[in-house]
Each structure stands twice: as C-alpha cells, then as structure tokens.
Amino acid sequence: MAKGGYRGGMPMGGMNQMQMMKQAQKMQQDLLKMQQEMEEKQYEATAGGGVITAVVSGKRELVRVTIDPEAVDPDDVEMLQDMVVAAVNEAMRKAEADSAQNMSKLTGGLNLGGLFG
C-alpha cells in the first residue's frame, strides 16, 4: 500500500468527510429552525414588585411595556425610569439565556465561537 493512505482509489477518511459534511448541513438546518422558533418567542420580566412589566421578542426587540398606574409618582419619575430599565434588561437577559441554552443543546456543548451566531 502506498504511503499516501489510499485504498481503492478513495482517500482514507473520505467517508468521514462526507459524514461530517452531512452532519454540518443537518446542524445548519437545525440552527435555522431554532432561530425561527426563538424569534417567535416572547420573554417577560417585571420590576418594582410587578408594577412594571417588559416583554421582548426572541429578536431582542422590545414588544411591550406595561406600567401599573400606582407606579407613576410625578415626584419620583427617576424611580419609574429605573424600574422600566430594570424590567427591560431582565427580559433581554432571559431571551439571551434561552438562546444560549438552545445553542448549547444544538452544538452539544461545543464552543463554536460565533461561527453560528
């Protein structure tokens, strides 16, 4: 047998490369499906004991902010602003954590360093 590792005209590992390509294509299809599902999801968080509710989409877009009238104090607008920011940031964190968890499931825990993100 020649030193190049050929067997029957096909390089050794040729089947492995084809298998890897199929796996990569399947992973890409699964990723696209997961992204579509994530974009349809909504994530909700509250602040101020529930007087502020923020909802963001899987696209990381703010969908809705609900403010209970009891949270509105004309003498303390800064507190209201802080609660809105807190609720929005928490909803964004929930969306990001869900996305990371789903990506981890898809890649089997491999860190692909932005390859698919």
PDB file of N, CA and C in Angstrom:
ATOM      1  N   MET A   1       0.837  -1.179   0.000  1.00  0.00           N
ATOM      2  CA  MET A   1       0.000   0.000   0.000  1.00  0.00           C
ATOM      3  C   MET A   1       0.877   1.236   0.000  1.00  0.00           C
ATOM      4  N   ALA A   2       0.509   2.215  -0.799  1.00  0.00           N
ATOM      5  CA  ALA A   2       1.303   3.433  -0.913  1.00  0.00           C
ATOM      6  C   ALA A   2       1.244   4.218   0.382  1.00  0.00           C
ATOM      7  N   LYS A   3       2.256   5.049   0.569  1.00  0.00           N
ATOM      8  CA  LYS A   3       2.383   5.802   1.801  1.00  0.00           C
ATOM      9  C   LYS A   3       1.279   6.852   1.963  1.00  0.00           C
ATOM     10  N   GLY A   4       0.624   7.279   0.895  1.00  0.00           N
ATOM     11  CA  GLY A   4      -0.383   8.336   0.954  1.00  0.00           C
ATOM     12  C   GLY A   4      -1.662   7.934   1.667  1.00  0.00           C
ATOM     13  N   GLY A   5      -1.864   6.671   1.948  1.00  0.00           N
ATOM     14  CA  GLY A   5      -3.045   6.251   2.680  1.00  0.00           C
ATOM     15  C   GLY A   5      -4.255   6.054   1.791  1.00  0.00           C
ATOM     16  N   TYR A   6      -4.054   5.709   0.540  1.00  0.00           N
ATOM     17  CA  TYR A   6      -5.171   5.487  -0.372  1.00  0.00           C
ATOM     18  C   TYR A   6      -5.582   4.038  -0.355  1.00  0.00           C
ATOM     19  N   ARG A   7      -6.883   3.827  -0.503  1.00  0.00           N
ATOM     20  CA  ARG A   7      -7.397   2.474  -0.544  1.00  0.00           C
ATOM     21  C   ARG A   7      -8.503   2.461  -1.582  1.00  0.00           C
ATOM     22  N   GLY A   8      -8.323   1.675  -2.614  1.00  0.00           N
ATOM     23  CA  GLY A   8      -9.365   1.539  -3.623  1.00  0.00           C
ATOM     24  C   GLY A   8      -9.676   2.844  -4.340  1.00  0.00           C
ATOM     25  N   GLY A   9      -8.698   3.732  -4.486  1.00  0.00           N
ATOM     26  CA  GLY A   9      -8.906   4.972  -5.218  1.00  0.00           C
ATOM     27  C   GLY A   9      -9.550   6.079  -4.389  1.00  0.00           C
ATOM     28  N   MET A  10      -9.938   5.810  -3.180  1.00  0.00           N
ATOM     29  CA  MET A  10     -10.574   6.845  -2.349  1.00  0.00           C
ATOM     30  C   MET A  10      -9.662   7.134  -1.163  1.00  0.00           C
ATOM     31  N   PRO A  11      -9.392   8.395  -0.905  1.00  0.00           N
ATOM     32  CA  PRO A  11      -8.524   8.713   0.230  1.00  0.00           C
ATOM     33  C   PRO A  11      -9.133   8.171   1.517  1.00  0.00           C
ATOM     34  N   MET A  12      -8.276   7.689   2.390  1.00  0.00           N
ATOM     35  CA  MET A  12      -8.768   7.235   3.686  1.00  0.00           C
ATOM     36  C   MET A  12      -9.411   8.433   4.379  1.00  0.00           C
ATOM     37  N   GLY A  13     -10.514   8.216   5.004  1.00  0.00           N
ATOM     38  CA  GLY A  13     -11.206   9.298   5.678  1.00  0.00           C
ATOM     39  C   GLY A  13     -12.214   9.987   4.773  1.00  0.00           C
ATOM     40  N   GLY A  14     -12.285   9.590   3.506  1.00  0.00           N
ATOM     41  CA  GLY A  14     -13.243  10.205   2.587  1.00  0.00           C
ATOM     42  C   GLY A  14     -14.670  10.025   3.061  1.00  0.00           C
ATOM     43  N   MET A  15     -14.953   8.872   3.591  1.00  0.00           N
ATOM     44  CA  MET A  15     -16.298   8.626   4.112  1.00  0.00           C
ATOM     45  C   MET A  15     -16.547   9.495   5.338  1.00  0.00           C
ATOM     46  N   ASN A  16     -15.514   9.674   6.149  1.00  0.00           N
ATOM     47  CA  ASN A  16     -15.663  10.517   7.327  1.00  0.00           C
ATOM     48  C   ASN A  16     -15.942  11.958   6.927  1.00  0.00           C
ATOM     49  N   GLN A  17     -15.301  12.435   5.876  1.00  0.00           N
ATOM     50  CA  GLN A  17     -15.527  13.804   5.414  1.00  0.00           C
ATOM     51  C   GLN A  17     -16.960  13.966   4.914  1.00  0.00           C
ATOM     52  N   MET A  18     -17.448  12.979   4.186  1.00  0.00           N
ATOM     53  CA  MET A  18     -18.827  13.052   3.702  1.00  0.00           C
ATOM     54  C   MET A  18     -19.790  13.041   4.883  1.00  0.00           C
ATOM     55  N   GLN A  19     -19.507  12.225   5.854  1.00  0.00           N
ATOM     56  CA  GLN A  19     -20.341  12.137   7.050  1.00  0.00           C
ATOM     57  C   GLN A  19     -20.324  13.474   7.799  1.00  0.00           C
ATOM     58  N   MET A  20     -19.141  14.067   7.899  1.00  0.00           N
ATOM     59  CA  MET A  20     -19.020  15.357   8.579  1.00  0.00           C
ATOM     60  C   MET A  20     -19.795  16.446   7.837  1.00  0.00           C
ATOM     61  N   MET A  21     -19.756  16.419   6.515  1.00  0.00           N
ATOM     62  CA  MET A  21     -20.499  17.401   5.723  1.00  0.00           C
ATOM     63  C   MET A  21     -22.001  17.256   5.952  1.00  0.00           C
ATOM     64  N   LYS A  22     -22.475  16.016   5.987  1.00  0.00           N
ATOM     65  CA  LYS A  22     -23.894  15.770   6.247  1.00  0.00           C
ATOM     66  C   LYS A  22     -24.278  16.270   7.633  1.00  0.00           C
ATOM     67  N   GLN A  23     -23.416  16.013   8.619  1.00  0.00           N
ATOM     68  CA  GLN A  23     -23.689  16.470   9.981  1.00  0.00           C
ATOM     69  C   GLN A  23     -23.700  17.994  10.046  1.00  0.00           C
ATOM     70  N   ALA A  24     -22.779  18.626   9.336  1.00  0.00           N
ATOM     71  CA  ALA A  24     -22.726  20.092   9.319  1.00  0.00           C
ATOM     72  C   ALA A  24     -23.985  20.668   8.661  1.00  0.00           C
ATOM     73  N   GLN A  25     -24.442  20.049   7.594  1.00  0.00           N
ATOM     74  CA  GLN A  25     -25.666  20.504   6.929  1.00  0.00           C
ATOM     75  C   GLN A  25     -26.876  20.337   7.845  1.00  0.00           C
ATOM     76  N   LYS A  26     -26.935  19.209   8.557  1.00  0.00           N
ATOM     77  CA  LYS A  26     -28.041  18.990   9.486  1.00  0.00           C
ATOM     78  C   LYS A  26     -27.993  20.023  10.617  1.00  0.00           C
ATOM     79  N   MET A  27     -26.792  20.295  11.129  1.00  0.00           N
ATOM     80  CA  MET A  27     -26.657  21.282  12.196  1.00  0.00           C
ATOM     81  C   MET A  27     -27.110  22.659  11.706  1.00  0.00           C
ATOM     82  N   GLN A  28     -26.774  22.991  10.473  1.00  0.00           N
ATOM     83  CA  GLN A  28     -27.184  24.275   9.912  1.00  0.00           C
ATOM     84  C   GLN A  28     -28.718  24.344   9.795  1.00  0.00           C
ATOM     85  N   GLN A  29     -29.337  23.273   9.333  1.00  0.00           N
ATOM     86  CA  GLN A  29     -30.800  23.240   9.237  1.00  0.00           C
ATOM     87  C   GLN A  29     -31.439  23.350  10.621  1.00  0.00           C
ATOM     88  N   ASP A  30     -30.875  22.628  11.583  1.00  0.00           N
ATOM     89  CA  ASP A  30     -31.389  22.694  12.954  1.00  0.00           C
ATOM     90  C   ASP A  30     -31.227  24.099  13.527  1.00  0.00           C
ATOM     91  N   LEU A  31     -30.109  24.742  13.214  1.00  0.00           N
ATOM     92  CA  LEU A  31     -29.859  26.102  13.687  1.00  0.00           C
ATOM     93  C   LEU A  31     -30.892  27.070  13.123  1.00  0.00           C
ATOM     94  N   LEU A  32     -31.170  26.966  11.833  1.00  0.00           N
ATOM     95  CA  LEU A  32     -32.158  27.850  11.210  1.00  0.00           C
ATOM     96  C   LEU A  32     -33.537  27.643  11.823  1.00  0.00           C
ATOM     97  N   LYS A  33     -33.888  26.390  12.061  1.00  0.00           N
ATOM     98  CA  LYS A  33     -35.179  26.085  12.689  1.00  0.00           C
ATOM     99  C   LYS A  33     -35.236  26.672  14.093  1.00  0.00           C
ATOM    100  N   MET A  34     -34.149  26.500  14.848  1.00  0.00           N
ATOM    101  CA  MET A  34     -34.096  27.031  16.206  1.00  0.00           C
ATOM    102  C   MET A  34     -34.206  28.557  16.201  1.00  0.00           C
ATOM    103  N   GLN A  35     -33.521  29.212  15.271  1.00  0.00           N
ATOM    104  CA  GLN A  35     -33.586  30.668  15.188  1.00  0.00           C
ATOM    105  C   GLN A  35     -35.008  31.140  14.903  1.00  0.00           C
ATOM    106  N   GLN A  36     -35.700  30.462  14.007  1.00  0.00           N
ATOM    107  CA  GLN A  36     -37.079  30.833  13.703  1.00  0.00           C
ATOM    108  C   GLN A  36     -37.965  30.662  14.928  1.00  0.00           C
ATOM    109  N   GLU A  37     -37.775  29.561  15.650  1.00  0.00           N
ATOM    110  CA  GLU A  37     -38.565  29.325  16.858  1.00  0.00           C
ATOM    111  C   GLU A  37     -38.262  30.377  17.914  1.00  0.00           C
ATOM    112  N   MET A  38     -36.988  30.732  18.055  1.00  0.00           N
ATOM    113  CA  MET A  38     -36.598  31.744  19.047  1.00  0.00           C
ATOM    114  C   MET A  38     -37.216  33.099  18.718  1.00  0.00           C
ATOM    115  N   GLU A  39     -37.242  33.447  17.447  1.00  0.00           N
ATOM    116  CA  GLU A  39     -37.789  34.743  17.044  1.00  0.00           C
ATOM    117  C   GLU A  39     -39.271  34.852  17.357  1.00  0.00           C
ATOM    118  N   GLU A  40     -39.968  33.735  17.422  1.00  0.00           N
ATOM    119  CA  GLU A  40     -41.398  33.742  17.706  1.00  0.00           C
ATOM    120  C   GLU A  40     -41.690  33.795  19.203  1.00  0.00           C
ATOM    121  N   LYS A  41     -40.706  33.503  20.031  1.00  0.00           N
ATOM    122  CA  LYS A  41     -40.901  33.503  21.473  1.00  0.00           C
ATOM    123  C   LYS A  41     -40.928  34.923  22.027  1.00  0.00           C
ATOM    124  N   GLN A  42     -41.538  35.039  23.212  1.00  0.00           N
ATOM    125  CA  GLN A  42     -41.523  36.300  23.935  1.00  0.00           C
ATOM    126  C   GLN A  42     -41.063  36.027  25.359  1.00  0.00           C
ATOM    127  N   TYR A  43     -40.348  36.985  25.921  1.00  0.00           N
ATOM    128  CA  TYR A  43     -39.787  36.866  27.262  1.00  0.00           C
ATOM    129  C   TYR A  43     -40.273  38.040  28.091  1.00  0.00           C
ATOM    130  N   GLU A  44     -40.762  37.728  29.280  1.00  0.00           N
ATOM    131  CA  GLU A  44     -41.361  38.738  30.138  1.00  0.00           C
ATOM    132  C   GLU A  44     -40.600  38.843  31.451  1.00  0.00           C
ATOM    133  N   ALA A  45     -40.457  40.073  31.931  1.00  0.00           N
ATOM    134  CA  ALA A  45     -39.840  40.299  33.233  1.00  0.00           C
ATOM    135  C   ALA A  45     -40.545  41.470  33.895  1.00  0.00           C
ATOM    136  N   THR A  46     -40.509  41.472  35.214  1.00  0.00           N
ATOM    137  CA  THR A  46     -41.152  42.551  35.966  1.00  0.00           C
ATOM    138  C   THR A  46     -40.136  43.237  36.864  1.00  0.00           C
ATOM    139  N   ALA A  47     -40.517  44.418  37.327  1.00  0.00           N
ATOM    140  CA  ALA A  47     -39.701  45.169  38.281  1.00  0.00           C
ATOM    141  C   ALA A  47     -40.643  45.904  39.219  1.00  0.00           C
ATOM    142  N   GLY A  48     -40.095  46.371  40.325  1.00  0.00           N
ATOM    143  CA  GLY A  48     -40.897  47.127  41.275  1.00  0.00           C
ATOM    144  C   GLY A  48     -42.012  46.308  41.886  1.00  0.00           C
ATOM    145  N   GLY A  49     -41.760  45.039  42.121  1.00  0.00           N
ATOM    146  CA  GLY A  49     -42.781  44.187  42.703  1.00  0.00           C
ATOM    147  C   GLY A  49     -43.918  43.882  41.749  1.00  0.00           C
ATOM    148  N   GLY A  50     -43.652  44.011  40.465  1.00  0.00           N
ATOM    149  CA  GLY A  50     -44.664  43.667  39.462  1.00  0.00           C
ATOM    150  C   GLY A  50     -45.406  44.860  38.883  1.00  0.00           C
ATOM    151  N   VAL A  51     -45.045  46.083  39.285  1.00  0.00           N
ATOM    152  CA  VAL A  51     -45.765  47.251  38.749  1.00  0.00           C
ATOM    153  C   VAL A  51     -45.294  47.623  37.348  1.00  0.00           C
ATOM    154  N   ILE A  52     -44.133  47.108  36.957  1.00  0.00           N
ATOM    155  CA  ILE A  52     -43.607  47.325  35.612  1.00  0.00           C
ATOM    156  C   ILE A  52     -43.404  45.956  34.979  1.00  0.00           C
ATOM    157  N   THR A  53     -43.900  45.775  33.764  1.00  0.00           N
ATOM    158  CA  THR A  53     -43.696  44.536  33.024  1.00  0.00           C
ATOM    159  C   THR A  53     -43.131  44.885  31.651  1.00  0.00           C
ATOM    160  N   ALA A  54     -42.064  44.194  31.284  1.00  0.00           N
ATOM    161  CA  ALA A  54     -41.461  44.377  29.962  1.00  0.00           C
ATOM    162  C   ALA A  54     -41.500  43.046  29.230  1.00  0.00           C
ATOM    163  N   VAL A  55     -41.815  43.094  27.946  1.00  0.00           N
ATOM    164  CA  VAL A  55     -41.847  41.901  27.103  1.00  0.00           C
ATOM    165  C   VAL A  55     -40.952  42.161  25.906  1.00  0.00           C
ATOM    166  N   VAL A  56     -40.007  41.236  25.668  1.00  0.00           N
ATOM    167  CA  VAL A  56     -39.137  41.338  24.496  1.00  0.00           C
ATOM    168  C   VAL A  56     -39.312  40.085  23.646  1.00  0.00           C
ATOM    169  N   SER A  57     -39.023  40.232  22.366  1.00  0.00           N
ATOM    170  CA  SER A  57     -39.118  39.093  21.454  1.00  0.00           C
ATOM    171  C   SER A  57     -37.779  38.369  21.402  1.00  0.00           C
ATOM    172  N   GLY A  58     -37.800  37.213  20.774  1.00  0.00           N
ATOM    173  CA  GLY A  58     -36.571  36.468  20.566  1.00  0.00           C
ATOM    174  C   GLY A  58     -35.610  37.182  19.633  1.00  0.00           C
ATOM    175  N   LYS A  59     -36.095  38.208  18.951  1.00  0.00           N
ATOM    176  CA  LYS A  59     -35.238  39.034  18.093  1.00  0.00           C
ATOM    177  C   LYS A  59     -34.553  40.133  18.899  1.00  0.00           C
ATOM    178  N   ARG A  60     -34.791  40.125  20.215  1.00  0.00           N
ATOM    179  CA  ARG A  60     -34.251  41.132  21.141  1.00  0.00           C
ATOM    180  C   ARG A  60     -34.845  42.513  20.876  1.00  0.00           C
ATOM    181  N   GLU A  61     -36.129  42.526  20.546  1.00  0.00           N
ATOM    182  CA  GLU A  61     -36.846  43.779  20.347  1.00  0.00           C
ATOM    183  C   GLU A  61     -37.881  43.935  21.450  1.00  0.00           C
ATOM    184  N   LEU A  62     -37.985  45.138  21.978  1.00  0.00           N
ATOM    185  CA  LEU A  62     -38.984  45.423  22.994  1.00  0.00           C
ATOM    186  C   LEU A  62     -40.354  45.388  22.341  1.00  0.00           C
ATOM    187  N   VAL A  63     -41.228  44.541  22.865  1.00  0.00           N
ATOM    188  CA  VAL A  63     -42.566  44.359  22.311  1.00  0.00           C
ATOM    189  C   VAL A  63     -43.582  45.211  23.068  1.00  0.00           C
ATOM    190  N   ARG A  64     -43.436  45.209  24.407  1.00  0.00           N
ATOM    191  CA  ARG A  64     -44.453  45.883  25.205  1.00  0.00           C
ATOM    192  C   ARG A  64     -43.892  46.245  26.573  1.00  0.00           C
ATOM    193  N   VAL A  65     -44.325  47.395  27.089  1.00  0.00           N
ATOM    194  CA  VAL A  65     -44.044  47.789  28.457  1.00  0.00           C
ATOM    195  C   VAL A  65     -45.387  48.131  29.089  1.00  0.00           C
ATOM    196  N   THR A  66     -45.666  47.528  30.237  1.00  0.00           N
ATOM    197  CA  THR A  66     -46.897  47.809  30.967  1.00  0.00           C
ATOM    198  C   THR A  66     -46.514  48.465  32.292  1.00  0.00           C
ATOM    199  N   ILE A  67     -47.164  49.588  32.590  1.00  0.00           N
ATOM    200  CA  ILE A  67     -46.882  50.314  33.821  1.00  0.00           C
ATOM    201  C   ILE A  67     -48.180  50.443  34.615  1.00  0.00           C
ATOM    202  N   ASP A  68     -48.158  49.874  35.805  1.00  0.00           N
ATOM    203  CA  ASP A  68     -49.307  49.992  36.707  1.00  0.00           C
ATOM    204  C   ASP A  68     -49.400  51.461  37.145  1.00  0.00           C
ATOM    205  N   PRO A  69     -50.587  52.053  37.111  1.00  0.00           N
ATOM    206  CA  PRO A  69     -50.732  53.463  37.496  1.00  0.00           C
ATOM    207  C   PRO A  69     -50.174  53.779  38.888  1.00  0.00           C
ATOM    208  N   GLU A  70     -50.163  52.804  39.785  1.00  0.00           N
ATOM    209  CA  GLU A  70     -49.633  53.084  41.122  1.00  0.00           C
ATOM    210  C   GLU A  70     -48.119  53.328  41.102  1.00  0.00           C
ATOM    211  N   ALA A  71     -47.450  52.932  40.010  1.00  0.00           N
ATOM    212  CA  ALA A  71     -46.010  53.151  39.890  1.00  0.00           C
ATOM    213  C   ALA A  71     -45.693  54.582  39.460  1.00  0.00           C
ATOM    214  N   VAL A  72     -46.691  55.300  39.016  1.00  0.00           N
ATOM    215  CA  VAL A  72     -46.473  56.652  38.494  1.00  0.00           C
ATOM    216  C   VAL A  72     -46.560  57.659  39.642  1.00  0.00           C
ATOM    217  N   ASP A  73     -45.424  58.169  40.023  1.00  0.00           N
ATOM    218  CA  ASP A  73     -45.337  59.209  41.055  1.00  0.00           C
ATOM    219  C   ASP A  73     -44.663  60.414  40.403  1.00  0.00           C
ATOM    220  N   PRO A  74     -45.430  61.479  40.152  1.00  0.00           N
ATOM    221  CA  PRO A  74     -44.853  62.646  39.477  1.00  0.00           C
ATOM    222  C   PRO A  74     -43.655  63.233  40.224  1.00  0.00           C
ATOM    223  N   ASP A  75     -43.556  62.953  41.500  1.00  0.00           N
ATOM    224  CA  ASP A  75     -42.430  63.476  42.274  1.00  0.00           C
ATOM    225  C   ASP A  75     -41.208  62.555  42.233  1.00  0.00           C
ATOM    226  N   ASP A  76     -41.364  61.379  41.626  1.00  0.00           N
ATOM    227  CA  ASP A  76     -40.249  60.437  41.570  1.00  0.00           C
ATOM    228  C   ASP A  76     -40.218  59.725  40.216  1.00  0.00           C
ATOM    229  N   VAL A  77     -40.116  60.498  39.168  1.00  0.00           N
ATOM    230  CA  VAL A  77     -40.064  59.950  37.812  1.00  0.00           C
ATOM    231  C   VAL A  77     -38.806  59.095  37.624  1.00  0.00           C
ATOM    232  N   GLU A  78     -37.738  59.466  38.306  1.00  0.00           N
ATOM    233  CA  GLU A  78     -36.480  58.730  38.180  1.00  0.00           C
ATOM    234  C   GLU A  78     -36.639  57.265  38.610  1.00  0.00           C
ATOM    235  N   MET A  79     -37.402  57.032  39.661  1.00  0.00           N
ATOM    236  CA  MET A  79     -37.649  55.659  40.128  1.00  0.00           C
ATOM    237  C   MET A  79     -38.386  54.865  39.051  1.00  0.00           C
ATOM    238  N   LEU A  80     -39.380  55.470  38.434  1.00  0.00           N
ATOM    239  CA  LEU A  80     -40.135  54.817  37.366  1.00  0.00           C
ATOM    240  C   LEU A  80     -39.209  54.463  36.203  1.00  0.00           C
ATOM    241  N   GLN A  81     -38.369  55.395  35.826  1.00  0.00           N
ATOM    242  CA  GLN A  81     -37.427  55.141  34.736  1.00  0.00           C
ATOM    243  C   GLN A  81     -36.500  53.982  35.070  1.00  0.00           C
ATOM    244  N   ASP A  82     -35.993  53.957  36.294  1.00  0.00           N
ATOM    245  CA  ASP A  82     -35.100  52.877  36.720  1.00  0.00           C
ATOM    246  C   ASP A  82     -35.799  51.520  36.674  1.00  0.00           C
ATOM    247  N   MET A  83     -37.070  51.484  37.082  1.00  0.00           N
ATOM    248  CA  MET A  83     -37.813  50.221  37.068  1.00  0.00           C
ATOM    249  C   MET A  83     -38.055  49.740  35.639  1.00  0.00           C
ATOM    250  N   VAL A  84     -38.328  50.664  34.724  1.00  0.00           N
ATOM    251  CA  VAL A  84     -38.533  50.294  33.317  1.00  0.00           C
ATOM    252  C   VAL A  84     -37.238  49.700  32.755  1.00  0.00           C
ATOM    253  N   VAL A  85     -36.128  50.369  33.016  1.00  0.00           N
ATOM    254  CA  VAL A  85     -34.834  49.870  32.535  1.00  0.00           C
ATOM    255  C   VAL A  85     -34.544  48.488  33.123  1.00  0.00           C
ATOM    256  N   ALA A  86     -34.798  48.318  34.406  1.00  0.00           N
ATOM    257  CA  ALA A  86     -34.542  47.026  35.059  1.00  0.00           C
ATOM    258  C   ALA A  86     -35.390  45.918  34.437  1.00  0.00           C
ATOM    259  N   ALA A  87     -36.657  46.187  34.199  1.00  0.00           N
ATOM    260  CA  ALA A  87     -37.542  45.170  33.623  1.00  0.00           C
ATOM    261  C   ALA A  87     -37.111  44.807  32.205  1.00  0.00           C
ATOM    262  N   VAL A  88     -36.773  45.805  31.403  1.00  0.00           N
ATOM    263  CA  VAL A  88     -36.349  45.551  30.022  1.00  0.00           C
ATOM    264  C   VAL A  88     -35.046  44.754  30.012  1.00  0.00           C
ATOM    265  N   ASN A  89     -34.093  45.153  30.838  1.00  0.00           N
ATOM    266  CA  ASN A  89     -32.808  44.437  30.881  1.00  0.00           C
ATOM    267  C   ASN A  89     -32.988  42.989  31.320  1.00  0.00           C
ATOM    268  N   GLU A  90     -33.852  42.745  32.285  1.00  0.00           N
ATOM    269  CA  GLU A  90     -34.080  41.371  32.754  1.00  0.00           C
ATOM    270  C   GLU A  90     -34.748  40.527  31.660  1.00  0.00           C
ATOM    271  N   ALA A  91     -35.698  41.110  30.946  1.00  0.00           N
ATOM    272  CA  ALA A  91     -36.338  40.374  29.846  1.00  0.00           C
ATOM    273  C   ALA A  91     -35.308  40.048  28.767  1.00  0.00           C
ATOM    274  N   MET A  92     -34.414  40.980  28.478  1.00  0.00           N
ATOM    275  CA  MET A  92     -33.349  40.729  27.491  1.00  0.00           C
ATOM    276  C   MET A  92     -32.419  39.617  27.972  1.00  0.00           C
ATOM    277  N   ARG A  93     -32.089  39.614  29.258  1.00  0.00           N
ATOM    278  CA  ARG A  93     -31.233  38.550  29.804  1.00  0.00           C
ATOM    279  C   ARG A  93     -31.906  37.188  29.673  1.00  0.00           C
ATOM    280  N   LYS A  94     -33.214  37.139  29.916  1.00  0.00           N
ATOM    281  CA  LYS A  94     -33.947  35.881  29.768  1.00  0.00           C
ATOM    282  C   LYS A  94     -33.886  35.386  28.324  1.00  0.00           C
ATOM    283  N   ALA A  95     -34.062  36.294  27.372  1.00  0.00           N
ATOM    284  CA  ALA A  95     -34.001  35.920  25.958  1.00  0.00           C
ATOM    285  C   ALA A  95     -32.607  35.405  25.603  1.00  0.00           C
ATOM    286  N   GLU A  96     -31.585  36.080  26.091  1.00  0.00           N
ATOM    287  CA  GLU A  96     -30.210  35.678  25.794  1.00  0.00           C
ATOM    288  C   GLU A  96     -29.884  34.328  26.425  1.00  0.00           C
ATOM    289  N   ALA A  97     -30.317  34.111  27.665  1.00  0.00           N
ATOM    290  CA  ALA A  97     -30.046  32.844  28.343  1.00  0.00           C
ATOM    291  C   ALA A  97     -30.740  31.686  27.627  1.00  0.00           C
ATOM    292  N   ASP A  98     -31.972  31.913  27.176  1.00  0.00           N
ATOM    293  CA  ASP A  98     -32.695  30.866  26.452  1.00  0.00           C
ATOM    294  C   ASP A  98     -31.995  30.554  25.138  1.00  0.00           C
ATOM    295  N   SER A  99     -31.544  31.583  24.460  1.00  0.00           N
ATOM    296  CA  SER A  99     -30.828  31.397  23.205  1.00  0.00           C
ATOM    297  C   SER A  99     -29.539  30.607  23.423  1.00  0.00           C
ATOM    298  N   ALA A 100     -28.783  30.958  24.458  1.00  0.00           N
ATOM    299  CA  ALA A 100     -27.526  30.260  24.751  1.00  0.00           C
ATOM    300  C   ALA A 100     -27.788  28.801  25.113  1.00  0.00           C
ATOM    301  N   GLN A 101     -28.845  28.556  25.875  1.00  0.00           N
ATOM    302  CA  GLN A 101     -29.179  27.186  26.265  1.00  0.00           C
ATOM    303  C   GLN A 101     -29.555  26.355  25.038  1.00  0.00           C
ATOM    304  N   ASN A 102     -30.351  26.928  24.153  1.00  0.00           N
ATOM    305  CA  ASN A 102     -30.738  26.204  22.940  1.00  0.00           C
ATOM    306  C   ASN A 102     -29.543  25.968  22.029  1.00  0.00           C
ATOM    307  N   MET A 103     -28.648  26.944  21.940  1.00  0.00           N
ATOM    308  CA  MET A 103     -27.457  26.776  21.109  1.00  0.00           C
ATOM    309  C   MET A 103     -26.577  25.667  21.688  1.00  0.00           C
ATOM    310  N   SER A 104     -26.483  25.607  22.999  1.00  0.00           N
ATOM    311  CA  SER A 104     -25.680  24.573  23.645  1.00  0.00           C
ATOM    312  C   SER A 104     -26.247  23.185  23.345  1.00  0.00           C
ATOM    313  N   LYS A 105     -27.570  23.078  23.355  1.00  0.00           N
ATOM    314  CA  LYS A 105     -28.206  21.792  23.024  1.00  0.00           C
ATOM    315  C   LYS A 105     -27.872  21.405  21.586  1.00  0.00           C
ATOM    316  N   LEU A 106     -27.922  22.385  20.699  1.00  0.00           N
ATOM    317  CA  LEU A 106     -27.696  22.130  19.276  1.00  0.00           C
ATOM    318  C   LEU A 106     -26.257  21.706  18.999  1.00  0.00           C
ATOM    319  N   THR A 107     -25.311  22.363  19.663  1.00  0.00           N
ATOM    320  CA  THR A 107     -23.899  22.095  19.378  1.00  0.00           C
ATOM    321  C   THR A 107     -23.302  21.054  20.300  1.00  0.00           C
ATOM    322  N   GLY A 108     -24.118  20.514  21.210  1.00  0.00           N
ATOM    323  CA  GLY A 108     -23.616  19.504  22.129  1.00  0.00           C
ATOM    324  C   GLY A 108     -22.604  20.069  23.115  1.00  0.00           C
ATOM    325  N   GLY A 109     -22.708  21.374  23.393  1.00  0.00           N
ATOM    326  CA  GLY A 109     -21.806  22.000  24.351  1.00  0.00           C
ATOM    327  C   GLY A 109     -20.517  22.511  23.729  1.00  0.00           C
ATOM    328  N   LEU A 110     -20.331  22.306  22.435  1.00  0.00           N
ATOM    329  CA  LEU A 110     -19.129  22.805  21.781  1.00  0.00           C
ATOM    330  C   LEU A 110     -19.174  24.323  21.696  1.00  0.00           C
ATOM    331  N   ASN A 111     -18.065  24.968  21.959  1.00  0.00           N
ATOM    332  CA  ASN A 111     -17.991  26.414  21.807  1.00  0.00           C
ATOM    333  C   ASN A 111     -17.517  26.706  20.397  1.00  0.00           C
ATOM    334  N   LEU A 112     -18.441  27.161  19.552  1.00  0.00           N
ATOM    335  CA  LEU A 112     -18.084  27.409  18.157  1.00  0.00           C
ATOM    336  C   LEU A 112     -17.688  28.858  17.930  1.00  0.00           C
ATOM    337  N   GLY A 113     -17.562  29.618  18.998  1.00  0.00           N
ATOM    338  CA  GLY A 113     -17.002  30.964  18.935  1.00  0.00           C
ATOM    339  C   GLY A 113     -17.611  31.873  17.893  1.00  0.00           C
ATOM    340  N   GLY A 114     -18.898  31.997  17.829  1.00  0.00           N
ATOM    341  CA  GLY A 114     -19.529  32.905  16.898  1.00  0.00           C
ATOM    342  C   GLY A 114     -19.708  32.345  15.501  1.00  0.00           C
ATOM    343  N   LEU A 115     -19.305  31.113  15.283  1.00  0.00           N
ATOM    344  CA  LEU A 115     -19.450  30.500  13.964  1.00  0.00           C
ATOM    345  C   LEU A 115     -20.892  30.480  13.500  1.00  0.00           C
ATOM    346  N   PHE A 116     -21.802  30.233  14.419  1.00  0.00           N
ATOM    347  CA  PHE A 116     -23.213  30.174  14.080  1.00  0.00           C
ATOM    348  C   PHE A 116     -24.005  31.295  14.730  1.00  0.00           C
ATOM    349  N   GLY A 117     -23.394  32.323  15.243  1.00  0.00           N
ATOM    350  CA  GLY A 117     -24.150  33.330  15.972  1.00  0.00           C
ATOM    351  C   GLY A 117     -24.117  34.668  15.458  1.00  0.00           C
TER     352      GLY A 117
END
